[in-house]
PDB file of N, CA and C in Angstrom:
ATOM      1  N   MET A   1     -60.901  12.492  -8.165  1.00  0.00           N
ATOM      2  CA  MET A   1     -61.144  11.265  -7.444  1.00  0.00           C
ATOM      3  C   MET A   1     -61.614  11.623  -6.037  1.00  0.00           C
ATOM      4  N   LYS A   2     -62.628  10.977  -5.579  1.00  0.00           N
ATOM      5  CA  LYS A   2     -63.178  11.267  -4.258  1.00  0.00           C
ATOM      6  C   LYS A   2     -62.313  10.673  -3.163  1.00  0.00           C
ATOM      7  N   ASN A   3     -62.348  11.316  -2.007  1.00  0.00           N
ATOM      8  CA  ASN A   3     -61.541  10.885  -0.873  1.00  0.00           C
ATOM      9  C   ASN A   3     -61.860   9.450  -0.466  1.00  0.00           C
ATOM     10  N   CYS A   4     -63.137   9.058  -0.491  1.00  0.00           N
ATOM     11  CA  CYS A   4     -63.499   7.699  -0.071  1.00  0.00           C
ATOM     12  C   CYS A   4     -62.889   6.655  -1.010  1.00  0.00           C
ATOM     13  N   ILE A   5     -62.759   6.989  -2.286  1.00  0.00           N
ATOM     14  CA  ILE A   5     -62.123   6.063  -3.235  1.00  0.00           C
ATOM     15  C   ILE A   5     -60.644   5.893  -2.875  1.00  0.00           C
ATOM     16  N   LEU A   6     -59.984   7.007  -2.561  1.00  0.00           N
ATOM     17  CA  LEU A   6     -58.574   6.931  -2.165  1.00  0.00           C
ATOM     18  C   LEU A   6     -58.407   6.128  -0.882  1.00  0.00           C
ATOM     19  N   GLU A   7     -59.303   6.335   0.082  1.00  0.00           N
ATOM     20  CA  GLU A   7     -59.228   5.575   1.332  1.00  0.00           C
ATOM     21  C   GLU A   7     -59.434   4.083   1.089  1.00  0.00           C
ATOM     22  N   ASN A   8     -60.354   3.731   0.206  1.00  0.00           N
ATOM     23  CA  ASN A   8     -60.587   2.321  -0.111  1.00  0.00           C
ATOM     24  C   ASN A   8     -59.375   1.709  -0.796  1.00  0.00           C
ATOM     25  N   ARG A   9     -58.760   2.446  -1.709  1.00  0.00           N
ATOM     26  CA  ARG A   9     -57.566   1.934  -2.392  1.00  0.00           C
ATOM     27  C   ARG A   9     -56.416   1.741  -1.410  1.00  0.00           C
ATOM     28  N   LEU A  10     -56.292   2.657  -0.463  1.00  0.00           N
ATOM     29  CA  LEU A  10     -55.236   2.511   0.536  1.00  0.00           C
ATOM     30  C   LEU A  10     -55.485   1.292   1.407  1.00  0.00           C
ATOM     31  N   ALA A  11     -56.731   1.052   1.775  1.00  0.00           N
ATOM     32  CA  ALA A  11     -57.066  -0.117   2.593  1.00  0.00           C
ATOM     33  C   ALA A  11     -56.743  -1.417   1.866  1.00  0.00           C
ATOM     34  N   GLU A  12     -56.839  -1.397   0.547  1.00  0.00           N
ATOM     35  CA  GLU A  12     -56.577  -2.588  -0.263  1.00  0.00           C
ATOM     36  C   GLU A  12     -55.146  -2.637  -0.800  1.00  0.00           C
ATOM     37  N   ALA A  13     -54.321  -1.667  -0.427  1.00  0.00           N
ATOM     38  CA  ALA A  13     -52.972  -1.554  -0.970  1.00  0.00           C
ATOM     39  C   ALA A  13     -52.083  -2.697  -0.501  1.00  0.00           C
ATOM     40  N   GLU A  14     -51.004  -2.906  -1.259  1.00  0.00           N
ATOM     41  CA  GLU A  14     -50.030  -3.923  -0.897  1.00  0.00           C
ATOM     42  C   GLU A  14     -49.174  -3.436   0.268  1.00  0.00           C
ATOM     43  N   GLN A  15     -48.455  -4.348   0.866  1.00  0.00           N
ATOM     44  CA  GLN A  15     -47.711  -4.073   2.096  1.00  0.00           C
ATOM     45  C   GLN A  15     -46.714  -2.918   1.973  1.00  0.00           C
ATOM     46  N   PRO A  16     -45.965  -2.758   0.889  1.00  0.00           N
ATOM     47  CA  PRO A  16     -45.032  -1.621   0.830  1.00  0.00           C
ATOM     48  C   PRO A  16     -45.729  -0.264   0.958  1.00  0.00           C
ATOM     49  N   VAL A  17     -46.920  -0.133   0.415  1.00  0.00           N
ATOM     50  CA  VAL A  17     -47.668   1.118   0.531  1.00  0.00           C
ATOM     51  C   VAL A  17     -48.117   1.327   1.978  1.00  0.00           C
ATOM     52  N   LYS A  18     -48.575   0.272   2.608  1.00  0.00           N
ATOM     53  CA  LYS A  18     -48.982   0.366   4.009  1.00  0.00           C
ATOM     54  C   LYS A  18     -47.788   0.710   4.897  1.00  0.00           C
ATOM     55  N   ASN A  19     -46.618   0.152   4.599  1.00  0.00           N
ATOM     56  CA  ASN A  19     -45.408   0.469   5.352  1.00  0.00           C
ATOM     57  C   ASN A  19     -45.048   1.948   5.192  1.00  0.00           C
ATOM     58  N   PHE A  20     -45.164   2.456   3.965  1.00  0.00           N
ATOM     59  CA  PHE A  20     -44.879   3.863   3.707  1.00  0.00           C
ATOM     60  C   PHE A  20     -45.821   4.760   4.510  1.00  0.00           C
ATOM     61  N   MET A  21     -47.105   4.445   4.506  1.00  0.00           N
ATOM     62  CA  MET A  21     -48.085   5.253   5.238  1.00  0.00           C
ATOM     63  C   MET A  21     -47.802   5.202   6.748  1.00  0.00           C
ATOM     64  N   ALA A  22     -47.420   4.045   7.261  1.00  0.00           N
ATOM     65  CA  ALA A  22     -47.093   3.926   8.680  1.00  0.00           C
ATOM     66  C   ALA A  22     -45.879   4.789   9.024  1.00  0.00           C
ATOM     67  N   ASP A  23     -44.854   4.766   8.180  1.00  0.00           N
ATOM     68  CA  ASP A  23     -43.671   5.607   8.393  1.00  0.00           C
ATOM     69  C   ASP A  23     -44.030   7.085   8.329  1.00  0.00           C
ATOM     70  N   LEU A  24     -44.882   7.445   7.397  1.00  0.00           N
ATOM     71  CA  LEU A  24     -45.318   8.828   7.239  1.00  0.00           C
ATOM     72  C   LEU A  24     -46.065   9.309   8.486  1.00  0.00           C
ATOM     73  N   ILE A  25     -46.981   8.511   8.972  1.00  0.00           N
ATOM     74  CA  ILE A  25     -47.750   8.868  10.167  1.00  0.00           C
ATOM     75  C   ILE A  25     -46.832   8.955  11.381  1.00  0.00           C
ATOM     76  N   GLU A  26     -45.890   8.042  11.488  1.00  0.00           N
ATOM     77  CA  GLU A  26     -44.944   8.067  12.609  1.00  0.00           C
ATOM     78  C   GLU A  26     -44.114   9.349  12.593  1.00  0.00           C
ATOM     79  N   GLU A  27     -43.616   9.727  11.429  1.00  0.00           N
ATOM     80  CA  GLU A  27     -42.804  10.944  11.322  1.00  0.00           C
ATOM     81  C   GLU A  27     -43.637  12.190  11.634  1.00  0.00           C
ATOM     82  N   LEU A  28     -44.853  12.248  11.142  1.00  0.00           N
ATOM     83  CA  LEU A  28     -45.712  13.398  11.413  1.00  0.00           C
ATOM     84  C   LEU A  28     -46.068  13.485  12.891  1.00  0.00           C
ATOM     85  N   SER A  29     -46.351  12.362  13.528  1.00  0.00           N
ATOM     86  CA  SER A  29     -46.690  12.387  14.953  1.00  0.00           C
ATOM     87  C   SER A  29     -45.476  12.764  15.794  1.00  0.00           C
ATOM     88  N   ARG A  30     -44.279  12.385  15.345  1.00  0.00           N
ATOM     89  CA  ARG A  30     -43.053  12.774  16.048  1.00  0.00           C
ATOM     90  C   ARG A  30     -42.875  14.289  15.982  1.00  0.00           C
ATOM     91  N   LYS A  31     -43.109  14.875  14.809  1.00  0.00           N
ATOM     92  CA  LYS A  31     -43.004  16.326  14.670  1.00  0.00           C
ATOM     93  C   LYS A  31     -44.050  17.024  15.524  1.00  0.00           C
ATOM     94  N   ASP A  32     -45.243  16.449  15.583  1.00  0.00           N
ATOM     95  CA  ASP A  32     -46.308  17.040  16.383  1.00  0.00           C
ATOM     96  C   ASP A  32     -45.952  17.025  17.865  1.00  0.00           C
ATOM     97  N   SER A  33     -45.351  15.940  18.337  1.00  0.00           N
ATOM     98  CA  SER A  33     -45.017  15.824  19.759  1.00  0.00           C
ATOM     99  C   SER A  33     -43.826  16.690  20.150  1.00  0.00           C
ATOM    100  N   THR A  34     -43.001  17.105  19.179  1.00  0.00           N
ATOM    101  CA  THR A  34     -41.858  17.966  19.473  1.00  0.00           C
ATOM    102  C   THR A  34     -42.164  19.427  19.177  1.00  0.00           C
ATOM    103  N   SER A  35     -43.438  19.744  19.012  1.00  0.00           N
ATOM    104  CA  SER A  35     -43.912  21.107  18.759  1.00  0.00           C
ATOM    105  C   SER A  35     -43.416  21.697  17.445  1.00  0.00           C
ATOM    106  N   GLN A  36     -42.980  20.860  16.528  1.00  0.00           N
ATOM    107  CA  GLN A  36     -42.655  21.337  15.189  1.00  0.00           C
ATOM    108  C   GLN A  36     -43.939  21.340  14.375  1.00  0.00           C
ATOM    109  N   ASP A  37     -43.922  22.068  13.271  1.00  0.00           N
ATOM    110  CA  ASP A  37     -45.078  22.060  12.381  1.00  0.00           C
ATOM    111  C   ASP A  37     -45.209  20.659  11.798  1.00  0.00           C
ATOM    112  N   PRO A  38     -46.303  19.939  12.101  1.00  0.00           N
ATOM    113  CA  PRO A  38     -46.422  18.545  11.667  1.00  0.00           C
ATOM    114  C   PRO A  38     -46.779  18.420  10.184  1.00  0.00           C
ATOM    115  N   LYS A  39     -45.802  18.732   9.328  1.00  0.00           N
ATOM    116  CA  LYS A  39     -46.018  18.555   7.893  1.00  0.00           C
ATOM    117  C   LYS A  39     -44.714  18.139   7.225  1.00  0.00           C
ATOM    118  N   LEU A  40     -44.862  17.483   6.101  1.00  0.00           N
ATOM    119  CA  LEU A  40     -43.724  17.024   5.306  1.00  0.00           C
ATOM    120  C   LEU A  40     -43.919  17.459   3.867  1.00  0.00           C
ATOM    121  N   CYS A  41     -42.825  17.746   3.196  1.00  0.00           N
ATOM    122  CA  CYS A  41     -42.873  18.056   1.766  1.00  0.00           C
ATOM    123  C   CYS A  41     -42.185  16.920   1.021  1.00  0.00           C
ATOM    124  N   LEU A  42     -42.864  16.370   0.045  1.00  0.00           N
ATOM    125  CA  LEU A  42     -42.328  15.279  -0.761  1.00  0.00           C
ATOM    126  C   LEU A  42     -42.363  15.670  -2.224  1.00  0.00           C
ATOM    127  N   ARG A  43     -41.374  15.235  -2.957  1.00  0.00           N
ATOM    128  CA  ARG A  43     -41.357  15.438  -4.416  1.00  0.00           C
ATOM    129  C   ARG A  43     -41.457  14.063  -5.064  1.00  0.00           C
ATOM    130  N   TYR A  44     -42.398  13.970  -5.986  1.00  0.00           N
ATOM    131  CA  TYR A  44     -42.649  12.680  -6.637  1.00  0.00           C
ATOM    132  C   TYR A  44     -43.200  12.934  -8.022  1.00  0.00           C
ATOM    133  N   PHE A  45     -42.603  12.345  -9.040  1.00  0.00           N
ATOM    134  CA  PHE A  45     -43.014  12.529 -10.433  1.00  0.00           C
ATOM    135  C   PHE A  45     -43.105  13.999 -10.817  1.00  0.00           C
ATOM    136  N   GLY A  46     -42.173  14.812 -10.310  1.00  0.00           N
ATOM    137  CA  GLY A  46     -42.167  16.229 -10.629  1.00  0.00           C
ATOM    138  C   GLY A  46     -43.228  17.051  -9.920  1.00  0.00           C
ATOM    139  N   VAL A  47     -43.896  16.455  -8.951  1.00  0.00           N
ATOM    140  CA  VAL A  47     -44.937  17.139  -8.192  1.00  0.00           C
ATOM    141  C   VAL A  47     -44.439  17.326  -6.764  1.00  0.00           C
ATOM    142  N   LYS A  48     -44.679  18.494  -6.197  1.00  0.00           N
ATOM    143  CA  LYS A  48     -44.340  18.734  -4.796  1.00  0.00           C
ATOM    144  C   LYS A  48     -45.613  18.581  -3.983  1.00  0.00           C
ATOM    145  N   LEU A  49     -45.593  17.626  -3.067  1.00  0.00           N
ATOM    146  CA  LEU A  49     -46.733  17.376  -2.185  1.00  0.00           C
ATOM    147  C   LEU A  49     -46.391  17.859  -0.784  1.00  0.00           C
ATOM    148  N   GLU A  50     -47.341  18.518  -0.150  1.00  0.00           N
ATOM    149  CA  GLU A  50     -47.190  18.891   1.241  1.00  0.00           C
ATOM    150  C   GLU A  50     -48.256  18.142   2.023  1.00  0.00           C
ATOM    151  N   ILE A  51     -47.819  17.338   2.970  1.00  0.00           N
ATOM    152  CA  ILE A  51     -48.727  16.517   3.762  1.00  0.00           C
ATOM    153  C   ILE A  51     -48.673  17.025   5.187  1.00  0.00           C
ATOM    154  N   LYS A  52     -49.828  17.393   5.722  1.00  0.00           N
ATOM    155  CA  LYS A  52     -49.903  17.967   7.064  1.00  0.00           C
ATOM    156  C   LYS A  52     -50.780  17.103   7.950  1.00  0.00           C
ATOM    157  N   LEU A  53     -50.304  16.855   9.153  1.00  0.00           N
ATOM    158  CA  LEU A  53     -51.077  16.134  10.143  1.00  0.00           C
ATOM    159  C   LEU A  53     -52.097  17.089  10.750  1.00  0.00           C
ATOM    160  N   VAL A  54     -53.366  16.751  10.599  1.00  0.00           N
ATOM    161  CA  VAL A  54     -54.439  17.597  11.111  1.00  0.00           C
ATOM    162  C   VAL A  54     -54.859  17.128  12.499  1.00  0.00           C
ATOM    163  N   SER A  55     -55.002  15.820  12.688  1.00  0.00           N
ATOM    164  CA  SER A  55     -55.316  15.287  13.997  1.00  0.00           C
ATOM    165  C   SER A  55     -54.762  13.870  14.085  1.00  0.00           C
ATOM    166  N   PHE A  56     -54.565  13.439  15.324  1.00  0.00           N
ATOM    167  CA  PHE A  56     -54.020  12.109  15.552  1.00  0.00           C
ATOM    168  C   PHE A  56     -54.699  11.552  16.783  1.00  0.00           C
ATOM    169  N   ASP A  57     -55.465  10.487  16.612  1.00  0.00           N
ATOM    170  CA  ASP A  57     -56.214   9.896  17.705  1.00  0.00           C
ATOM    171  C   ASP A  57     -55.425   8.833  18.455  1.00  0.00           C
ATOM    172  N   GLY A  58     -54.228   8.482  17.955  1.00  0.00           N
ATOM    173  CA  GLY A  58     -53.422   7.445  18.590  1.00  0.00           C
ATOM    174  C   GLY A  58     -52.638   7.971  19.770  1.00  0.00           C
ATOM    175  N   ASP A  59     -51.901   7.079  20.392  1.00  0.00           N
ATOM    176  CA  ASP A  59     -51.070   7.474  21.555  1.00  0.00           C
ATOM    177  C   ASP A  59     -49.773   8.062  21.086  1.00  0.00           C
TER     178      ASP A  59
END
């Protein structure tokens, strides 16, 4: 699946998904501001995902 398709689906997602993404971004930006490695490891459906903050244009 192409990245643009995933971005479009996220833009059209229901509120719980948007809330999850907001919490995820908040946690990653907090780690970035405290000089920790800005990444999280999640386990879901037997898959281990590692999500890393690459850049953050917000305040």
